[in-house]
Every structure is written in structure tokens, then in C-alpha cells.
Protein backbone atom coordinates (compact mmCIF):
# COMPACT_ATOMS: atom_id res chain seq x y z
CA MET A 1 -45.71 -65.05 -35.81
CA THR A 2 -47.54 -63.08 -38.44
CA ALA A 3 -45.30 -61.97 -41.36
CA PHE A 4 -45.77 -58.94 -43.57
CA HIS A 5 -48.23 -59.65 -46.41
CA PRO A 6 -48.49 -57.11 -49.22
CA HIS A 7 -52.09 -58.01 -49.73
CA ARG A 8 -52.87 -56.41 -46.26
CA LEU A 9 -53.45 -53.08 -44.69
CA ARG A 10 -52.84 -50.77 -47.47
CA THR A 11 -51.06 -47.68 -46.38
CA GLY A 12 -50.71 -45.64 -49.57
CA ARG A 13 -51.00 -41.81 -49.21
CA ASP A 14 -54.40 -40.56 -48.60
CA PRO A 15 -55.67 -37.50 -50.70
CA GLY A 16 -56.16 -35.56 -47.53
CA VAL A 17 -52.32 -35.55 -47.11
CA PHE A 18 -51.57 -34.19 -50.60
CA ARG A 19 -51.84 -30.52 -49.59
CA SER A 20 -48.52 -28.79 -50.84
CA ALA A 21 -49.11 -26.27 -53.57
CA ARG A 22 -45.27 -25.70 -53.71
CA ALA A 23 -44.88 -29.35 -54.48
CA VAL A 24 -47.24 -28.98 -57.55
CA TRP A 25 -45.45 -26.01 -58.83
CA LEU A 26 -42.07 -27.79 -58.58
CA LEU A 27 -43.77 -30.76 -60.30
CA PHE A 28 -44.49 -28.57 -63.35
CA LEU A 29 -41.24 -26.78 -63.42
CA LEU A 30 -39.63 -30.14 -63.57
CA LEU A 31 -42.18 -31.50 -65.97
CA PRO A 32 -40.26 -30.83 -69.36
CA VAL A 33 -37.05 -32.38 -67.80
CA LEU A 34 -38.59 -35.45 -66.37
CA LEU A 35 -40.48 -36.16 -69.80
CA ALA A 36 -37.36 -35.42 -71.91
CA GLY A 37 -36.30 -38.45 -73.78
CA CYS A 38 -39.48 -40.25 -73.10
CA GLY A 39 -41.22 -41.36 -76.42
CA PRO A 40 -44.92 -41.80 -76.50
CA GLY A 41 -46.14 -43.80 -73.66
CA GLU A 42 -42.76 -44.36 -72.12
CA SER A 43 -41.98 -43.62 -68.62
CA LYS A 44 -38.70 -43.53 -66.75
CA GLY A 45 -37.94 -45.22 -63.47
CA GLY A 46 -41.59 -46.46 -62.85
CA PRO A 47 -42.50 -49.51 -60.97
CA ALA A 48 -42.12 -52.93 -62.40
CA ALA A 49 -44.33 -53.61 -65.37
CA HIS A 50 -46.51 -56.97 -65.61
CA GLY A 51 -47.88 -57.64 -69.06
CA GLY A 52 -48.25 -54.99 -71.57
CA THR A 53 -49.60 -55.59 -75.06
CA GLY A 54 -47.14 -55.63 -77.87
CA GLY A 55 -48.20 -54.59 -81.36
CA VAL A 56 -51.80 -53.91 -81.83
CA PRO A 57 -53.94 -54.11 -85.00
CA GLY A 58 -53.17 -51.06 -87.21
CA GLY A 59 -50.97 -49.80 -84.46
CA GLY A 60 -47.49 -49.53 -86.12
CA PRO A 61 -44.19 -49.30 -84.33
CA ASP A 62 -44.86 -45.65 -83.30
CA ALA A 63 -48.23 -46.14 -81.89
CA PRO A 64 -48.40 -44.64 -78.34
CA VAL A 65 -48.49 -47.06 -75.39
CA LEU A 66 -50.65 -46.22 -72.52
CA ASN A 67 -49.17 -46.60 -69.04
CA PHE A 68 -51.70 -47.83 -66.53
CA ILE A 69 -50.61 -47.96 -62.90
CA HIS A 70 -52.85 -49.80 -60.39
CA ASP A 71 -52.96 -48.91 -56.73
CA TRP A 72 -51.29 -51.92 -54.99
CA VAL A 73 -49.38 -55.17 -55.60
CA PRO A 74 -51.09 -57.46 -58.29
CA GLU A 75 -54.09 -58.94 -56.61
CA PRO A 76 -57.71 -60.02 -57.42
CA GLU A 77 -59.03 -56.42 -56.95
CA HIS A 78 -57.23 -55.79 -60.35
CA GLY A 79 -58.27 -58.99 -61.79
CA GLY A 80 -60.32 -57.27 -64.65
CA TYR A 81 -57.27 -55.24 -65.83
CA TYR A 82 -55.10 -58.41 -65.90
CA ALA A 83 -57.73 -60.35 -67.65
CA ALA A 84 -57.82 -57.46 -70.32
CA ASP A 85 -54.06 -57.80 -70.69
CA ARG A 86 -53.65 -61.66 -70.61
CA LYS A 87 -56.81 -62.27 -72.78
CA GLY A 88 -55.75 -59.74 -75.40
CA LEU A 89 -58.78 -57.56 -75.08
CA TRP A 90 -56.96 -54.33 -75.10
CA LYS A 91 -55.02 -55.68 -78.21
CA ALA A 92 -58.28 -56.46 -79.80
CA GLU A 93 -59.50 -52.85 -79.14
CA GLY A 94 -56.37 -51.59 -81.00
CA VAL A 95 -54.65 -50.01 -77.98
CA ALA A 96 -51.34 -51.21 -76.26
CA VAL A 97 -51.31 -50.93 -72.64
CA ARG A 98 -48.38 -51.29 -70.10
CA VAL A 99 -49.71 -52.41 -66.73
CA LEU A 100 -47.52 -50.90 -63.85
CA VAL A 101 -47.41 -51.96 -60.26
CA GLY A 102 -48.40 -49.36 -57.61
CA GLY A 103 -47.71 -49.81 -53.89
CA PRO A 104 -47.43 -47.78 -50.73
CA ASN A 105 -46.91 -44.10 -51.48
CA SER A 106 -47.07 -44.41 -55.20
CA GLU A 107 -48.32 -40.87 -55.59
CA ILE A 108 -50.41 -41.99 -58.62
CA GLU A 109 -51.91 -38.65 -59.25
CA LYS A 110 -48.59 -37.01 -59.78
CA ARG A 111 -47.32 -39.92 -62.03
CA VAL A 112 -50.34 -39.67 -64.18
CA ALA A 113 -50.01 -35.77 -64.38
CA LEU A 114 -46.53 -36.24 -65.52
CA ASP A 115 -47.20 -38.73 -68.20
CA PRO A 116 -49.23 -37.62 -71.26
CA PHE A 117 -50.20 -41.22 -71.90
CA GLY A 118 -50.87 -42.22 -68.11
CA LEU A 119 -53.77 -43.63 -66.40
CA GLY A 120 -54.06 -44.81 -62.78
CA ILE A 121 -56.31 -46.02 -59.95
CA VAL A 122 -57.15 -43.55 -57.07
CA ARG A 123 -60.15 -43.02 -54.69
CA GLY A 124 -62.65 -40.34 -55.82
CA ASP A 125 -61.75 -37.69 -53.17
CA ALA A 126 -58.19 -37.77 -54.43
CA VAL A 127 -59.43 -36.37 -57.91
CA PHE A 128 -60.89 -33.29 -56.22
CA VAL A 129 -57.71 -32.55 -54.34
CA ALA A 130 -55.58 -33.09 -57.36
CA VAL A 131 -57.65 -30.85 -59.62
CA GLU A 132 -57.60 -28.07 -56.96
CA ARG A 133 -53.87 -28.37 -56.68
CA GLY A 134 -53.58 -27.92 -60.44
CA LEU A 135 -52.78 -31.41 -61.74
CA PRO A 136 -54.11 -32.05 -65.14
CA VAL A 137 -55.98 -35.38 -64.45
CA VAL A 138 -59.59 -36.26 -64.82
CA ALA A 139 -61.55 -39.39 -63.76
CA VAL A 140 -62.70 -41.38 -66.78
CA ASN A 141 -64.66 -44.30 -65.17
CA ALA A 142 -65.58 -45.95 -61.88
CA TYR A 143 -63.31 -48.95 -61.04
CA PHE A 144 -65.41 -49.75 -58.04
CA GLN A 145 -68.95 -48.06 -57.42
CA HIS A 146 -68.01 -47.93 -53.76
CA ASP A 147 -64.56 -47.83 -52.19
CA PRO A 148 -63.83 -50.89 -50.20
CA GLN A 149 -62.11 -49.11 -47.32
CA GLY A 150 -63.43 -50.09 -43.96
CA ILE A 151 -62.68 -50.51 -40.23
CA MET A 152 -62.11 -54.07 -38.95
CA VAL A 153 -62.84 -55.04 -35.32
CA ARG A 154 -63.23 -58.44 -33.65
CA GLU A 155 -66.43 -60.26 -34.04
CA GLU A 156 -67.26 -60.02 -30.45
CA SER A 157 -66.16 -56.31 -30.26
CA PRO A 158 -68.77 -53.77 -28.65
CA VAL A 159 -67.95 -51.42 -31.65
CA LYS A 160 -71.19 -51.91 -33.67
CA GLY A 161 -71.22 -48.68 -35.52
CA PHE A 162 -68.96 -45.67 -36.16
CA ALA A 163 -70.21 -43.72 -33.09
CA ASP A 164 -68.74 -46.59 -30.92
CA LEU A 165 -65.28 -45.48 -31.93
CA GLU A 166 -65.25 -42.74 -29.43
CA ASP A 167 -62.47 -42.98 -26.84
CA ARG A 168 -60.87 -45.85 -28.78
CA ASP A 169 -57.51 -46.34 -30.69
CA LEU A 170 -57.74 -46.87 -34.45
CA ALA A 171 -54.80 -47.93 -36.48
CA MET A 172 -55.01 -46.11 -39.81
CA GLN A 173 -53.14 -43.93 -42.31
CA ILE A 174 -52.52 -40.40 -40.90
CA GLY A 175 -54.38 -37.63 -42.50
CA ALA A 176 -57.12 -39.56 -44.38
CA SER A 177 -60.11 -37.58 -45.42
CA TRP A 178 -62.69 -40.18 -44.32
CA LEU A 179 -61.37 -39.84 -40.70
CA LEU A 180 -62.30 -36.16 -40.69
CA TYR A 181 -65.75 -37.02 -41.97
CA LEU A 182 -66.16 -39.70 -39.27
CA GLN A 183 -64.90 -37.43 -36.61
CA LYS A 184 -67.42 -34.55 -37.53
CA LYS A 185 -70.49 -36.69 -38.37
CA TYR A 186 -70.12 -38.87 -35.25
CA ASP A 187 -68.66 -36.25 -32.89
CA LEU A 188 -65.50 -38.25 -32.14
CA LYS A 189 -63.53 -35.93 -30.02
CA ARG A 190 -61.50 -38.61 -28.14
CA LEU A 191 -60.84 -40.98 -30.94
CA ARG A 192 -57.07 -41.69 -30.98
CA VAL A 193 -55.17 -42.49 -34.18
CA ARG A 194 -52.14 -44.85 -34.07
CA PRO A 195 -49.99 -45.94 -37.14
CA VAL A 196 -51.28 -48.73 -39.28
CA THR A 197 -48.84 -51.59 -39.62
CA GLY A 198 -48.32 -53.98 -42.59
CA ASN A 199 -49.93 -57.09 -41.13
CA VAL A 200 -52.63 -58.31 -38.85
CA ALA A 201 -50.25 -59.36 -36.08
CA ASN A 202 -51.62 -56.66 -33.65
CA PHE A 203 -55.09 -57.43 -34.38
CA VAL A 204 -54.63 -61.01 -33.73
CA ARG A 205 -52.77 -60.35 -30.39
CA ASP A 206 -54.91 -57.61 -29.03
CA PRO A 207 -58.71 -58.11 -28.69
CA ASP A 208 -59.21 -54.33 -28.60
CA TRP A 209 -57.18 -53.65 -31.71
CA ILE A 210 -59.11 -51.66 -34.41
CA THR A 211 -57.60 -51.09 -37.73
CA GLN A 212 -58.43 -49.77 -41.25
CA ALA A 213 -59.05 -52.75 -43.67
CA TYR A 214 -60.31 -54.02 -46.84
CA PRO A 215 -63.16 -56.56 -46.50
CA THR A 216 -61.70 -58.58 -49.47
CA SER A 217 -58.33 -59.10 -47.71
CA GLU A 218 -57.69 -58.37 -44.02
CA PRO A 219 -60.46 -60.60 -42.62
CA TYR A 220 -59.18 -63.68 -44.32
CA TYR A 221 -55.69 -63.26 -42.88
CA ALA A 222 -57.01 -62.78 -39.55
CA LEU A 223 -59.08 -65.91 -39.88
CA LYS A 224 -55.85 -67.74 -40.93
CA GLU A 225 -54.76 -66.78 -37.38
CA GLY A 226 -57.91 -68.05 -35.76
CA VAL A 227 -59.61 -64.58 -35.26
CA ARG A 228 -63.08 -63.77 -36.64
CA SER A 229 -63.67 -60.08 -37.54
CA ARG A 230 -66.36 -57.76 -38.79
CA VAL A 231 -65.68 -54.80 -41.06
CA LEU A 232 -67.61 -51.39 -40.82
CA GLN A 233 -67.78 -50.16 -44.53
CA LEU A 234 -67.07 -46.45 -44.81
CA SER A 235 -69.44 -46.26 -47.66
CA GLU A 236 -72.26 -46.91 -45.19
CA SER A 237 -71.20 -43.88 -43.13
CA GLY A 238 -72.17 -41.45 -45.97
CA PHE A 239 -68.65 -40.99 -47.03
CA ASP A 240 -68.95 -42.88 -50.17
CA PRO A 241 -66.43 -42.04 -53.04
CA TYR A 242 -66.11 -44.13 -56.09
CA ARG A 243 -62.73 -45.89 -56.72
CA VAL A 244 -61.78 -44.67 -60.15
CA ILE A 245 -59.41 -44.69 -63.12
CA ILE A 246 -57.84 -41.16 -63.76
CA ALA A 247 -56.30 -40.15 -66.99
CA ASN A 248 -53.97 -37.32 -67.91
CA ARG A 249 -56.20 -34.57 -69.21
CA GLN A 250 -53.96 -34.11 -72.30
CA LEU A 251 -54.75 -37.83 -73.23
CA VAL A 252 -58.45 -37.25 -72.75
CA GLU A 253 -58.55 -34.09 -74.86
CA LYS A 254 -56.18 -35.20 -77.70
CA HIS A 255 -56.67 -38.90 -77.78
CA PRO A 256 -60.17 -39.65 -76.56
CA ASP A 257 -60.26 -42.69 -78.88
CA LEU A 258 -57.42 -44.26 -77.05
CA VAL A 259 -59.27 -43.53 -73.64
CA ALA A 260 -62.33 -45.25 -75.11
CA ARG A 261 -60.43 -48.34 -76.32
CA PHE A 262 -58.72 -48.61 -73.07
CA SER A 263 -62.02 -48.42 -71.28
CA ARG A 264 -63.80 -50.93 -73.34
CA GLY A 265 -61.01 -53.39 -72.93
CA ALA A 266 -61.03 -52.94 -69.23
CA TYR A 267 -64.91 -53.34 -68.98
CA ARG A 268 -64.63 -56.54 -70.93
CA GLY A 269 -61.77 -57.52 -68.84
CA TRP A 270 -63.87 -57.37 -65.63
CA GLN A 271 -66.66 -59.36 -67.42
CA GLU A 272 -64.14 -62.06 -68.25
CA TYR A 273 -62.49 -62.05 -64.72
CA PHE A 274 -65.89 -62.42 -63.04
CA ARG A 275 -66.96 -65.15 -65.50
CA ASN A 276 -63.82 -67.32 -64.51
CA PRO A 277 -61.23 -65.89 -62.33
CA GLN A 278 -59.00 -68.96 -61.95
CA PRO A 279 -56.60 -68.27 -64.96
CA ILE A 280 -56.08 -64.69 -63.83
CA HIS A 281 -55.41 -65.96 -60.25
CA ASP A 282 -52.89 -68.48 -61.55
CA HIS A 283 -51.22 -65.54 -63.35
CA LEU A 284 -51.31 -63.32 -60.16
CA ARG A 285 -49.64 -66.05 -58.07
CA SER A 286 -46.89 -66.24 -60.69
CA ILE A 287 -46.09 -62.53 -60.63
CA SER A 288 -46.97 -61.84 -56.94
CA PRO A 289 -45.73 -65.12 -55.05
CA THR A 290 -47.43 -63.93 -51.71
CA MET A 291 -50.76 -64.45 -53.40
CA GLU A 292 -52.47 -67.66 -52.32
CA ASP A 293 -55.35 -69.44 -54.05
CA ALA A 294 -57.67 -69.39 -50.86
CA GLY A 295 -57.04 -65.76 -50.23
CA MET A 296 -57.76 -64.87 -53.81
CA ARG A 297 -60.95 -66.91 -53.62
CA PHE A 298 -61.90 -64.98 -50.63
CA SER A 299 -61.27 -61.74 -52.23
CA TYR A 300 -63.19 -62.77 -55.34
CA VAL A 301 -66.36 -63.80 -53.38
CA ALA A 302 -66.14 -60.62 -51.15
CA MET A 303 -66.13 -58.33 -54.31
CA ARG A 304 -69.07 -60.09 -55.62
CA ARG A 305 -71.03 -60.27 -52.42
CA LEU A 306 -70.40 -56.66 -51.81
CA ARG A 307 -71.19 -55.84 -55.42
CA LEU A 308 -68.15 -53.52 -55.34
CA ALA A 309 -67.86 -53.48 -59.29
CA GLU A 310 -71.46 -53.29 -60.24
CA GLY A 311 -73.07 -51.48 -57.30
CA ASP A 312 -76.78 -51.42 -56.78
CA PRO A 313 -78.87 -51.39 -59.91
CA ALA A 314 -81.94 -49.91 -58.00
CA ARG A 315 -79.61 -46.92 -57.38
CA GLY A 316 -78.72 -46.63 -61.07
CA GLU A 317 -75.27 -48.07 -60.43
CA ALA A 318 -73.52 -50.42 -62.79
CA LEU A 319 -70.02 -51.46 -63.94
CA GLY A 320 -68.17 -48.28 -64.91
CA ALA A 321 -71.06 -45.99 -64.27
CA VAL A 322 -70.57 -42.37 -62.90
CA ASP A 323 -73.15 -40.20 -61.45
CA PRO A 324 -72.27 -36.38 -61.66
CA GLU A 325 -74.72 -35.62 -58.80
CA ARG A 326 -72.94 -38.04 -56.55
CA TRP A 327 -69.60 -36.46 -57.37
CA ARG A 328 -71.10 -33.00 -56.36
CA VAL A 329 -72.20 -34.36 -53.17
CA LEU A 330 -68.69 -35.73 -52.49
CA GLY A 331 -67.30 -32.34 -53.42
CA ASP A 332 -69.52 -30.50 -50.96
CA ILE A 333 -68.33 -32.88 -48.19
CA LEU A 334 -64.78 -32.24 -48.98
CA LYS A 335 -65.20 -28.61 -48.84
CA ASP A 336 -67.16 -28.72 -45.80
CA LEU A 337 -64.28 -30.69 -44.17
CA GLY A 338 -61.70 -28.19 -45.40
CA VAL A 339 -59.95 -30.80 -47.66
CA ILE A 340 -60.57 -28.58 -50.64
CA ARG A 341 -61.22 -24.87 -50.75
CA GLN A 342 -63.87 -24.81 -53.38
CA VAL A 343 -65.78 -27.46 -55.44
CA PRO A 344 -64.45 -27.22 -59.06
CA PRO A 345 -66.84 -27.65 -62.04
CA ILE A 346 -67.70 -31.30 -61.95
CA ASP A 347 -66.69 -31.64 -65.68
CA ARG A 348 -63.11 -30.83 -64.51
CA VAL A 349 -63.13 -33.84 -62.18
CA VAL A 350 -64.97 -36.38 -64.05
CA SER A 351 -65.81 -37.33 -67.51
CA THR A 352 -69.03 -39.33 -68.41
CA ALA A 353 -67.79 -39.94 -72.08
CA PHE A 354 -66.20 -43.34 -71.30
CA THR A 355 -68.82 -45.28 -69.19
CA PRO A 356 -69.98 -48.63 -70.73
CA ARG A 357 -73.29 -47.12 -71.73
CA ALA A 358 -71.63 -44.25 -73.52
CA LEU A 359 -69.33 -46.55 -75.42
CA GLY A 360 -72.36 -48.74 -76.33
CA LEU A 361 -71.42 -51.62 -74.11
CA ASP A 362 -73.70 -53.76 -71.83
CA PRO A 363 -72.35 -53.31 -68.44
CA ALA A 364 -73.95 -56.61 -67.01
CA LEU A 365 -71.66 -59.05 -65.19
CA PRO A 366 -71.96 -62.85 -65.37
CA PRO A 367 -73.19 -64.79 -62.40
CA PRO A 368 -70.44 -65.40 -59.85
CA PHE A 369 -68.04 -68.20 -60.56
CA TRP A 370 -67.80 -68.96 -56.76
CA THR A 371 -70.37 -67.99 -54.06
CA ASP A 372 -68.52 -69.19 -51.15
CA ALA A 373 -64.88 -69.21 -49.86
CA PRO A 374 -63.82 -72.08 -47.57
CA LEU A 375 -62.52 -70.75 -44.25
CA PRO A 376 -58.67 -71.00 -43.87
CA ALA A 377 -57.49 -73.45 -41.27
CA ALA A 378 -56.47 -71.64 -38.04
CA PRO A 379 -53.12 -72.51 -36.51
CA ALA A 380 -53.42 -75.12 -33.76
CA ALA A 381 -52.33 -72.57 -31.08
CA ALA A 382 -55.22 -70.26 -32.10
CA ALA A 383 -57.97 -72.87 -32.21
CA GLY A 384 -60.69 -71.91 -29.83
CA ARG A 385 -60.03 -68.26 -29.72
């Protein structure tokens, strides 16, 4: 039996679901109440914090603490941020950061909008939706150059491309913007959507099961059950948002120095994590007991193989880089799909002031620490599948 594993099948709310203007107005009506009594950088009732730099050089007891919420449980896909925290890179930059754990339905855009010292990880299309709904957030750098979201099928599946999804069932988060794109581009009139689960049990049991997945995670757990898979990367379909860090607009406008310090520490954290991930994996296992060494190594190798963080230098991509024209293209796609009514000015959606190059940093990453991940041993009953 395949148990739930929080490293699998992310089911957090998709930006296409975030449609209620009434909810946004209620959010701002409650804003003064929700923030009452919170000191700088202090959040009430938030998720568990792991790490968090104490005093910083020249900070003083009243220096603000930035609240950074990532988009899932602690895992290798957040390795650079845990490296920035554990290795004191944020502290060396003179900024205190509290790392907060996200998870399903974390509503990160709303949390950041409510916190004048808030930052968080979302997908690029979520930023357009949040800005149109009036939330004071802006993307400040690219966490991944290409969002890892994909669709996982069996290795032997006749589904070789997105057009082959016609007249099939897809387990996924209801209301995702990327599904609207696939349906329109590939004329998928008979694609059926079923709810995604929190594990790979159905994928292992049913040869025809198709599910949303991250190539850094789900294929490993399917392999543990003796099932080989392939992942169709959504970025190859033409729907190719960045995965980004957003910040409260007030933080960007009033304290750009803090955002710059946060960003420098984060970039250096990714460079350190990719140089040697093992100490961070040891830490992740201690705070997220379901993490396992082989699975984290698989994630690391997949991130490097797919160049998720650094992208393709031939296309001008690099760690933390943002291309305003690529954002405009995404905005046009979302408008065409009806996800947003109008494409806002791009400088309301993303800032280019906090990329590594804008901050005078070299975005180059070190060579991979690992280039291969040993395959997990399949259960005896699954051998030969």
C-alpha cells in the first residue's frame, strides 16, 4: 500500500481558482484588524517556521524580520533558501528572515498581501491574477526559470504528447490555468478531469492513470513501487511561467534595500546548495521526517538536469533573471484564456531591480554535485512490472 507522502502531488490552489473580488474587498476591510498588534515582520497564526536568522549586523532589536513562506513542505526544491538560512548568508547581508512552511491551500498571495514584510513563492500566472484582484504584491525574482509542473504517464503509455490527452482522464487540481491553455491549444474537448490524490497509489495500480506531477518528485515514488514513468513538461507546451518570489508592494517601495539583501542572500544560497546539497538535505530530513536521502538526491539531479533554476543561457536565461517580454506573452495568454480581463502594466507585475545582474552578482551556478541518482529498489511484489 502506498501511503501519503507530502513530497508528492502538490494540490495547492491554482491562480485560476482565485477569482472572487468580494474576497479581496473583505481582505482589505479586515487588513487593519489582522495586522493590529503585529510588530514589524511579525505574523499571527502563520504556519510553522523553520530557521529564521536572529540578530543581524547593525540590525538592532527593532530591525524588521522578513517573513518568507515557501510553497510546500521543506524539500530540495527549497534547498537554496534553507542554505541561505543555515549558512548565515542572509545574516551576512544584514537582513533577518523567518522561513515559513507552506502547504496545500496556503493562499500565499493573500498572506503576502497582508504582511508588510512578507515574501512568498508562487507561479508567474498567479501574480497576474493577484494584481488584477487588487492585491499589493509584485514579483521580485525568478525562483525557477521554468515552472516544474508536468503531467506524468506510464513509460509505455501511448500518450506521447499533449494532443494525446484527448478522451482520457487526468488527475489534477480543478481550475488550473494551464488546463485551459492545453484544452484550447490542443482542442481537447473530451479530456476528463478527476481530483488529484496525495500519493501515487492510483498511478501504480492503474496503467492508464495520468496525473499532474513534478519531475523532481513523483517519478521517484512511482519507481519505488516498481513503475517507470515519463513526464510531459508543461513548459514545452507554450504555457511557460516562471516560478517566482513575490513581495508585498509596500516592502518593495519603502524598503528596497531589504528586498535586495534578501535576494542576494537567496541567490548565494542557491549557489551554495548546488555546490554541496548534503548538509541541507540532512537538515531537511530533520525538520521534515518523510524526506529520505535517495529521494532528495533524485530531486537534486532532476533540478540540475532540467536546469530549472538557471534555465537556458542561449535564451538569455540565468539564475534569478526575469524577461519583461516573456511576462507580456504570459499576460496575453491569460487574457486570451479569460483568466484575467486586461494585461496590467508589466512593472505592476514584476520588478527587474532585484535580479543577480541588477545587484552586481554573478548568477553562474557551480557544477553539479551529483549527476546521477541510483534507482530505488522496487518492492518484491512489483518487480517485473
